Amino acid sequence: MFDIGFWELILIGVVALLVIGPERLPGVARKAGMWLGRGRRFVSQVKADIDREIAADELRRVLKEQAESAGIHDILDETKEAVDETRSTLDESRRQVERGAADLDQPEQEYLVKAARPAKPAASTPATPDQAPRSEPPSDDAQDKR
């Protein structure tokens, strides 16, 4: 605020002592301090009032923006409802198409099921040597041909 140093204050005190005198100087100093305190309180109150007004203006601005954006919320809700209706319609259509396709594919599916069934399995190898068919030892003729 004011750029007053220590030596300037000492000079002001000495001049005040010479001009006012030692008898009235304490009373004048007390009154000067009281006026200085009142001035500081007044300045701080003005600053606080300005800050409150700025905050109130900002709050009004935010409330106004929210009031204007209420239309956006309505539009979003309507859009969500339209999307939900479309989704349910598409799901129903998909189910109907799947039912129709299932009716058309039913004979073909039966054919594919029959074709996919494996033929009767070939005779399996016996589990024990007693059940195995006996093979005859090779004849001597087969050994001679070698």
N, C-alpha and C. Protein backbone atom coordinates (compact mmCIF):
# COMPACT_ATOMS: atom_id res chain seq x y z
N MET A 1 0.84 -1.17 0.00
CA MET A 1 0.00 0.00 0.00
C MET A 1 0.90 1.25 0.00
N PHE A 2 1.36 1.67 1.15
CA PHE A 2 2.33 2.77 1.22
C PHE A 2 3.68 2.15 1.49
N ASP A 3 4.69 2.73 0.88
CA ASP A 3 6.04 2.21 1.11
C ASP A 3 6.73 3.11 2.15
N ILE A 4 6.43 2.85 3.41
CA ILE A 4 7.00 3.64 4.50
C ILE A 4 7.91 2.73 5.30
N GLY A 5 9.16 3.13 5.41
CA GLY A 5 10.14 2.34 6.14
C GLY A 5 10.20 2.74 7.61
N PHE A 6 11.12 2.10 8.33
CA PHE A 6 11.27 2.34 9.76
C PHE A 6 11.70 3.77 10.03
N TRP A 7 12.67 4.28 9.28
CA TRP A 7 13.20 5.61 9.53
C TRP A 7 12.16 6.69 9.22
N GLU A 8 11.30 6.44 8.25
CA GLU A 8 10.23 7.40 7.97
C GLU A 8 9.25 7.48 9.14
N LEU A 9 8.96 6.34 9.74
CA LEU A 9 8.06 6.31 10.90
C LEU A 9 8.67 7.06 12.09
N ILE A 10 9.96 6.88 12.30
CA ILE A 10 10.65 7.58 13.39
C ILE A 10 10.58 9.09 13.15
N LEU A 11 10.79 9.52 11.93
CA LEU A 11 10.75 10.94 11.60
C LEU A 11 9.35 11.52 11.82
N ILE A 12 8.31 10.78 11.43
CA ILE A 12 6.93 11.22 11.65
C ILE A 12 6.64 11.32 13.14
N GLY A 13 7.11 10.35 13.94
CA GLY A 13 6.92 10.37 15.40
C GLY A 13 7.58 11.57 16.04
N VAL A 14 8.79 11.91 15.63
CA VAL A 14 9.52 13.05 16.20
C VAL A 14 8.81 14.35 15.83
N VAL A 15 8.35 14.50 14.59
CA VAL A 15 7.64 15.71 14.17
C VAL A 15 6.33 15.83 14.94
N ALA A 16 5.61 14.68 15.09
CA ALA A 16 4.34 14.71 15.85
C ALA A 16 4.61 15.09 17.30
N LEU A 17 5.68 14.63 17.91
CA LEU A 17 6.02 14.97 19.29
C LEU A 17 6.29 16.47 19.41
N LEU A 18 6.99 17.04 18.44
CA LEU A 18 7.31 18.45 18.48
C LEU A 18 6.07 19.32 18.22
N VAL A 19 5.21 18.88 17.28
CA VAL A 19 4.05 19.69 16.92
C VAL A 19 2.94 19.55 17.95
N ILE A 20 2.59 18.31 18.33
CA ILE A 20 1.46 18.06 19.22
C ILE A 20 1.88 18.25 20.67
N GLY A 21 3.02 17.85 20.99
CA GLY A 21 3.49 17.95 22.37
C GLY A 21 3.36 16.62 23.08
N PRO A 22 4.16 16.48 24.15
CA PRO A 22 4.18 15.21 24.86
C PRO A 22 2.90 14.92 25.63
N GLU A 23 2.11 15.92 25.97
CA GLU A 23 0.90 15.68 26.76
C GLU A 23 -0.22 15.07 25.92
N ARG A 24 -0.39 15.57 24.73
CA ARG A 24 -1.51 15.09 23.89
C ARG A 24 -1.08 13.97 22.94
N LEU A 25 0.17 13.66 22.80
CA LEU A 25 0.64 12.64 21.85
C LEU A 25 0.04 11.26 22.11
N PRO A 26 -0.04 10.76 23.36
CA PRO A 26 -0.65 9.43 23.56
C PRO A 26 -2.11 9.37 23.12
N GLY A 27 -2.91 10.38 23.38
CA GLY A 27 -4.32 10.40 22.96
C GLY A 27 -4.46 10.44 21.45
N VAL A 28 -3.60 11.26 20.81
CA VAL A 28 -3.64 11.36 19.35
C VAL A 28 -3.21 10.03 18.72
N ALA A 29 -2.19 9.40 19.29
CA ALA A 29 -1.73 8.11 18.77
C ALA A 29 -2.83 7.06 18.91
N ARG A 30 -3.54 7.09 20.06
CA ARG A 30 -4.64 6.15 20.27
C ARG A 30 -5.74 6.35 19.23
N LYS A 31 -6.12 7.61 19.00
CA LYS A 31 -7.16 7.91 18.01
C LYS A 31 -6.70 7.56 16.59
N ALA A 32 -5.44 7.82 16.30
CA ALA A 32 -4.91 7.46 14.97
C ALA A 32 -4.96 5.95 14.77
N GLY A 33 -4.60 5.18 15.79
CA GLY A 33 -4.68 3.71 15.70
C GLY A 33 -6.10 3.23 15.53
N MET A 34 -7.04 3.92 16.26
CA MET A 34 -8.45 3.54 16.14
C MET A 34 -8.95 3.80 14.71
N TRP A 35 -8.62 4.97 14.15
CA TRP A 35 -9.05 5.28 12.79
C TRP A 35 -8.38 4.34 11.77
N LEU A 36 -7.15 4.02 12.00
CA LEU A 36 -6.45 3.10 11.10
C LEU A 36 -7.11 1.71 11.15
N GLY A 37 -7.49 1.24 12.34
CA GLY A 37 -8.18 -0.05 12.49
C GLY A 37 -9.54 -0.04 11.80
N ARG A 38 -10.27 1.08 11.98
CA ARG A 38 -11.58 1.19 11.31
C ARG A 38 -11.41 1.15 9.79
N GLY A 39 -10.40 1.86 9.32
CA GLY A 39 -10.14 1.86 7.87
C GLY A 39 -9.83 0.46 7.34
N ARG A 40 -9.00 -0.28 8.09
CA ARG A 40 -8.67 -1.66 7.67
C ARG A 40 -9.90 -2.56 7.68
N ARG A 41 -10.73 -2.42 8.73
CA ARG A 41 -11.96 -3.23 8.80
C ARG A 41 -12.88 -2.90 7.64
N PHE A 42 -13.00 -1.58 7.33
CA PHE A 42 -13.85 -1.16 6.22
C PHE A 42 -13.36 -1.76 4.90
N VAL A 43 -12.06 -1.71 4.66
CA VAL A 43 -11.49 -2.26 3.42
C VAL A 43 -11.71 -3.77 3.36
N SER A 44 -11.53 -4.46 4.48
CA SER A 44 -11.74 -5.92 4.47
C SER A 44 -13.21 -6.27 4.25
N GLN A 45 -14.14 -5.44 4.82
CA GLN A 45 -15.56 -5.68 4.58
C GLN A 45 -15.93 -5.46 3.11
N VAL A 46 -15.36 -4.42 2.52
CA VAL A 46 -15.62 -4.17 1.09
C VAL A 46 -15.10 -5.34 0.25
N LYS A 47 -13.91 -5.83 0.56
CA LYS A 47 -13.36 -6.98 -0.16
C LYS A 47 -14.26 -8.21 -0.01
N ALA A 48 -14.74 -8.44 1.21
CA ALA A 48 -15.62 -9.59 1.46
C ALA A 48 -16.93 -9.45 0.69
N ASP A 49 -17.49 -8.22 0.66
CA ASP A 49 -18.73 -7.98 -0.09
C ASP A 49 -18.52 -8.23 -1.59
N ILE A 50 -17.41 -7.77 -2.10
CA ILE A 50 -17.10 -7.99 -3.53
C ILE A 50 -16.96 -9.48 -3.81
N ASP A 51 -16.27 -10.21 -2.93
CA ASP A 51 -16.11 -11.66 -3.12
C ASP A 51 -17.47 -12.36 -3.09
N ARG A 52 -18.35 -11.95 -2.15
CA ARG A 52 -19.69 -12.56 -2.08
C ARG A 52 -20.49 -12.27 -3.34
N GLU A 53 -20.39 -11.05 -3.86
CA GLU A 53 -21.10 -10.71 -5.09
C GLU A 53 -20.59 -11.51 -6.28
N ILE A 54 -19.29 -11.67 -6.35
CA ILE A 54 -18.70 -12.48 -7.43
C ILE A 54 -19.18 -13.91 -7.33
N ALA A 55 -19.19 -14.47 -6.11
CA ALA A 55 -19.66 -15.85 -5.92
C ALA A 55 -21.15 -15.96 -6.26
N ALA A 56 -21.94 -14.94 -5.88
CA ALA A 56 -23.38 -14.98 -6.19
C ALA A 56 -23.61 -14.89 -7.70
N ASP A 57 -22.84 -14.04 -8.38
CA ASP A 57 -22.96 -13.95 -9.84
C ASP A 57 -22.59 -15.27 -10.51
N GLU A 58 -21.53 -15.89 -10.01
CA GLU A 58 -21.12 -17.18 -10.58
C GLU A 58 -22.19 -18.24 -10.34
N LEU A 59 -22.79 -18.23 -9.15
CA LEU A 59 -23.86 -19.18 -8.84
C LEU A 59 -25.07 -18.94 -9.74
N ARG A 60 -25.42 -17.67 -9.95
CA ARG A 60 -26.54 -17.36 -10.87
C ARG A 60 -26.25 -17.85 -12.28
N ARG A 61 -25.01 -17.65 -12.71
CA ARG A 61 -24.62 -18.10 -14.06
C ARG A 61 -24.73 -19.61 -14.18
N VAL A 62 -24.25 -20.33 -13.18
CA VAL A 62 -24.32 -21.79 -13.19
C VAL A 62 -25.77 -22.26 -13.19
N LEU A 63 -26.61 -21.63 -12.36
CA LEU A 63 -28.03 -22.01 -12.31
C LEU A 63 -28.72 -21.73 -13.64
N LYS A 64 -28.36 -20.63 -14.28
CA LYS A 64 -28.93 -20.30 -15.59
C LYS A 64 -28.52 -21.34 -16.62
N GLU A 65 -27.24 -21.73 -16.62
CA GLU A 65 -26.77 -22.76 -17.55
C GLU A 65 -27.49 -24.08 -17.32
N GLN A 66 -27.69 -24.43 -16.07
CA GLN A 66 -28.39 -25.68 -15.77
C GLN A 66 -29.83 -25.61 -16.20
N ALA A 67 -30.47 -24.45 -16.03
CA ALA A 67 -31.86 -24.31 -16.46
C ALA A 67 -31.96 -24.43 -17.98
N GLU A 68 -31.00 -23.87 -18.69
CA GLU A 68 -30.99 -23.97 -20.15
C GLU A 68 -30.67 -25.39 -20.60
N SER A 69 -29.85 -26.10 -19.85
CA SER A 69 -29.47 -27.45 -20.24
C SER A 69 -30.53 -28.48 -19.86
N ALA A 70 -31.58 -28.08 -19.16
CA ALA A 70 -32.65 -29.02 -18.82
C ALA A 70 -33.28 -29.57 -20.09
N GLY A 71 -33.35 -28.76 -21.15
CA GLY A 71 -33.86 -29.23 -22.43
C GLY A 71 -33.00 -30.34 -23.00
N ILE A 72 -31.71 -30.26 -22.77
CA ILE A 72 -30.80 -31.30 -23.26
C ILE A 72 -31.10 -32.61 -22.56
N HIS A 73 -31.40 -32.57 -21.27
CA HIS A 73 -31.72 -33.80 -20.54
C HIS A 73 -33.00 -34.43 -21.11
N ASP A 74 -33.98 -33.61 -21.44
CA ASP A 74 -35.21 -34.13 -22.04
C ASP A 74 -34.92 -34.78 -23.38
N ILE A 75 -34.09 -34.15 -24.17
CA ILE A 75 -33.74 -34.72 -25.48
C ILE A 75 -33.01 -36.04 -25.30
N LEU A 76 -32.10 -36.10 -24.34
CA LEU A 76 -31.38 -37.35 -24.09
C LEU A 76 -32.35 -38.46 -23.66
N ASP A 77 -33.30 -38.14 -22.79
CA ASP A 77 -34.27 -39.14 -22.35
C ASP A 77 -35.12 -39.63 -23.52
N GLU A 78 -35.57 -38.71 -24.36
CA GLU A 78 -36.37 -39.10 -25.52
C GLU A 78 -35.55 -39.98 -26.47
N THR A 79 -34.30 -39.64 -26.67
CA THR A 79 -33.43 -40.42 -27.54
C THR A 79 -33.22 -41.82 -26.98
N LYS A 80 -33.02 -41.93 -25.68
CA LYS A 80 -32.85 -43.25 -25.06
C LYS A 80 -34.10 -44.09 -25.23
N GLU A 81 -35.27 -43.47 -25.07
CA GLU A 81 -36.52 -44.21 -25.25
C GLU A 81 -36.65 -44.69 -26.69
N ALA A 82 -36.31 -43.83 -27.66
CA ALA A 82 -36.40 -44.21 -29.07
C ALA A 82 -35.44 -45.35 -29.38
N VAL A 83 -34.24 -45.30 -28.82
CA VAL A 83 -33.26 -46.36 -29.04
C VAL A 83 -33.76 -47.67 -28.44
N ASP A 84 -34.34 -47.61 -27.25
CA ASP A 84 -34.87 -48.82 -26.62
C ASP A 84 -36.01 -49.42 -27.44
N GLU A 85 -36.90 -48.57 -27.96
CA GLU A 85 -37.99 -49.07 -28.79
C GLU A 85 -37.45 -49.74 -30.05
N THR A 86 -36.48 -49.10 -30.68
CA THR A 86 -35.89 -49.66 -31.90
C THR A 86 -35.20 -50.97 -31.59
N ARG A 87 -34.50 -51.04 -30.48
CA ARG A 87 -33.80 -52.26 -30.11
C ARG A 87 -34.79 -53.41 -29.88
N SER A 88 -35.90 -53.12 -29.20
CA SER A 88 -36.88 -54.18 -28.95
C SER A 88 -37.52 -54.61 -30.27
N THR A 89 -37.79 -53.68 -31.18
CA THR A 89 -38.36 -54.03 -32.48
C THR A 89 -37.38 -54.90 -33.27
N LEU A 90 -36.11 -54.53 -33.25
CA LEU A 90 -35.10 -55.33 -33.96
C LEU A 90 -34.96 -56.72 -33.35
N ASP A 91 -35.00 -56.81 -32.04
CA ASP A 91 -34.91 -58.12 -31.39
C ASP A 91 -36.08 -59.01 -31.78
N GLU A 92 -37.27 -58.44 -31.80
CA GLU A 92 -38.46 -59.21 -32.20
C GLU A 92 -38.35 -59.65 -33.66
N SER A 93 -37.89 -58.77 -34.52
CA SER A 93 -37.71 -59.11 -35.94
C SER A 93 -36.68 -60.22 -36.09
N ARG A 94 -35.60 -60.13 -35.34
CA ARG A 94 -34.55 -61.16 -35.42
C ARG A 94 -35.10 -62.50 -34.97
N ARG A 95 -35.91 -62.50 -33.91
CA ARG A 95 -36.51 -63.77 -33.45
C ARG A 95 -37.42 -64.36 -34.52
N GLN A 96 -38.20 -63.51 -35.19
CA GLN A 96 -39.10 -64.00 -36.23
C GLN A 96 -38.31 -64.57 -37.40
N VAL A 97 -37.23 -63.91 -37.78
CA VAL A 97 -36.39 -64.41 -38.88
C VAL A 97 -35.75 -65.73 -38.49
N GLU A 98 -35.29 -65.85 -37.27
CA GLU A 98 -34.68 -67.10 -36.82
C GLU A 98 -35.70 -68.23 -36.81
N ARG A 99 -36.94 -67.93 -36.38
CA ARG A 99 -37.99 -68.95 -36.40
C ARG A 99 -38.28 -69.39 -37.83
N GLY A 100 -38.36 -68.43 -38.76
CA GLY A 100 -38.62 -68.75 -40.16
C GLY A 100 -37.48 -69.57 -40.75
N ALA A 101 -36.26 -69.21 -40.43
CA ALA A 101 -35.10 -69.95 -40.94
C ALA A 101 -35.07 -71.35 -40.34
N ALA A 102 -35.46 -71.48 -39.10
CA ALA A 102 -35.47 -72.80 -38.47
C ALA A 102 -36.51 -73.70 -39.14
N ASP A 103 -37.65 -73.12 -39.51
CA ASP A 103 -38.68 -73.91 -40.19
C ASP A 103 -38.19 -74.36 -41.56
N LEU A 104 -37.49 -73.53 -42.28
CA LEU A 104 -36.98 -73.88 -43.61
C LEU A 104 -35.85 -74.89 -43.53
N ASP A 105 -35.02 -74.79 -42.55
CA ASP A 105 -33.84 -75.64 -42.44
C ASP A 105 -34.13 -76.98 -41.77
N GLN A 106 -35.29 -77.20 -41.26
CA GLN A 106 -35.56 -78.41 -40.49
C GLN A 106 -35.34 -79.68 -41.31
N PRO A 107 -35.88 -79.86 -42.54
CA PRO A 107 -35.59 -81.09 -43.29
C PRO A 107 -34.10 -81.23 -43.58
N GLU A 108 -33.45 -80.17 -43.91
CA GLU A 108 -32.03 -80.24 -44.20
C GLU A 108 -31.26 -80.65 -42.96
N GLN A 109 -31.67 -80.16 -41.81
CA GLN A 109 -30.98 -80.52 -40.58
C GLN A 109 -31.15 -82.01 -40.29
N GLU A 110 -32.34 -82.54 -40.54
CA GLU A 110 -32.53 -83.98 -40.31
C GLU A 110 -31.61 -84.78 -41.22
N TYR A 111 -31.47 -84.35 -42.48
CA TYR A 111 -30.58 -85.03 -43.41
C TYR A 111 -29.15 -84.96 -42.92
N LEU A 112 -28.73 -83.79 -42.44
CA LEU A 112 -27.36 -83.62 -41.95
C LEU A 112 -27.12 -84.45 -40.70
N VAL A 113 -28.13 -84.59 -39.87
CA VAL A 113 -27.98 -85.40 -38.66
C VAL A 113 -27.78 -86.86 -39.05
N LYS A 114 -28.56 -87.33 -40.02
CA LYS A 114 -28.42 -88.72 -40.46
C LYS A 114 -27.07 -88.94 -41.12
N ALA A 115 -26.62 -87.97 -41.89
CA ALA A 115 -25.34 -88.12 -42.58
C ALA A 115 -24.18 -88.06 -41.59
N ALA A 116 -24.35 -87.35 -40.52
CA ALA A 116 -23.28 -87.20 -39.55
C ALA A 116 -23.14 -88.41 -38.64
N ARG A 117 -24.19 -89.26 -38.59
CA ARG A 117 -24.09 -90.45 -37.74
C ARG A 117 -23.09 -91.42 -38.36
N PRO A 118 -22.19 -91.93 -37.58
CA PRO A 118 -21.21 -92.87 -38.15
C PRO A 118 -21.88 -94.23 -38.43
N ALA A 119 -21.32 -94.88 -39.41
CA ALA A 119 -21.82 -96.22 -39.74
C ALA A 119 -21.48 -97.15 -38.59
N LYS A 120 -22.08 -98.33 -38.61
CA LYS A 120 -21.81 -99.27 -37.52
C LYS A 120 -20.32 -99.54 -37.47
N PRO A 121 -19.78 -99.51 -36.28
CA PRO A 121 -18.33 -99.69 -36.17
C PRO A 121 -17.92 -101.10 -36.60
N ALA A 122 -16.72 -101.20 -37.15
CA ALA A 122 -16.18 -102.50 -37.58
C ALA A 122 -15.92 -103.34 -36.35
N ALA A 123 -15.78 -104.63 -36.59
CA ALA A 123 -15.54 -105.54 -35.47
C ALA A 123 -14.25 -105.14 -34.81
N SER A 124 -14.31 -105.06 -33.54
CA SER A 124 -13.12 -104.63 -32.82
C SER A 124 -12.23 -105.83 -32.55
N THR A 125 -11.03 -105.57 -32.23
CA THR A 125 -10.09 -106.65 -31.94
C THR A 125 -10.45 -107.23 -30.59
N PRO A 126 -10.33 -108.47 -30.45
CA PRO A 126 -10.68 -109.10 -29.18
C PRO A 126 -9.75 -108.66 -28.07
N ALA A 127 -10.28 -108.70 -26.89
CA ALA A 127 -9.53 -108.24 -25.73
C ALA A 127 -8.56 -109.30 -25.23
N THR A 128 -8.85 -110.58 -25.44
CA THR A 128 -7.97 -111.64 -24.92
C THR A 128 -7.49 -112.51 -26.07
N PRO A 129 -6.35 -113.17 -25.91
CA PRO A 129 -5.82 -114.01 -26.99
C PRO A 129 -6.72 -115.23 -27.28
N ASP A 130 -7.51 -115.66 -26.30
CA ASP A 130 -8.38 -116.81 -26.53
C ASP A 130 -9.46 -116.46 -27.54
N GLN A 131 -9.88 -115.21 -27.55
CA GLN A 131 -10.95 -114.78 -28.44
C GLN A 131 -10.43 -114.44 -29.82
N ALA A 132 -9.13 -114.31 -29.98
CA ALA A 132 -8.57 -113.93 -31.26
C ALA A 132 -8.70 -115.10 -32.24
N PRO A 133 -8.98 -114.81 -33.51
CA PRO A 133 -9.03 -115.90 -34.50
C PRO A 133 -7.64 -116.44 -34.72
N ARG A 134 -7.61 -117.69 -34.97
CA ARG A 134 -6.30 -118.32 -35.14
C ARG A 134 -5.87 -118.22 -36.58
N SER A 135 -4.64 -117.86 -36.72
CA SER A 135 -4.12 -117.80 -38.07
C SER A 135 -3.20 -119.00 -38.26
N GLU A 136 -3.21 -119.47 -39.45
CA GLU A 136 -2.38 -120.65 -39.72
C GLU A 136 -0.97 -120.20 -40.00
N PRO A 137 -0.03 -121.00 -39.59
CA PRO A 137 1.36 -120.63 -39.86
C PRO A 137 1.60 -120.65 -41.37
N PRO A 138 2.51 -119.82 -41.81
CA PRO A 138 2.76 -119.81 -43.25
C PRO A 138 3.25 -121.18 -43.74
N SER A 139 2.85 -121.44 -44.90
CA SER A 139 3.23 -122.75 -45.45
C SER A 139 4.67 -122.73 -45.92
N ASP A 140 5.18 -123.92 -46.14
CA ASP A 140 6.56 -124.04 -46.59
C ASP A 140 6.70 -123.49 -48.00
N ASP A 141 5.65 -123.53 -48.76
CA ASP A 141 5.72 -123.03 -50.12
C ASP A 141 6.03 -121.53 -50.13
N ALA A 142 5.48 -120.84 -49.16
CA ALA A 142 5.70 -119.40 -49.10
C ALA A 142 7.15 -119.10 -48.74
N GLN A 143 7.74 -119.96 -47.93
CA GLN A 143 9.12 -119.74 -47.56
C GLN A 143 10.05 -120.08 -48.73
N ASP A 144 9.68 -121.04 -49.54
CA ASP A 144 10.50 -121.46 -50.66
C ASP A 144 10.55 -120.38 -51.74
N LYS A 145 9.51 -119.67 -51.86
CA LYS A 145 9.45 -118.66 -52.92
C LYS A 145 10.38 -117.47 -52.63
N ARG A 146 10.83 -117.36 -51.51
CA ARG A 146 11.72 -116.27 -51.18
C ARG A 146 13.04 -116.46 -51.74
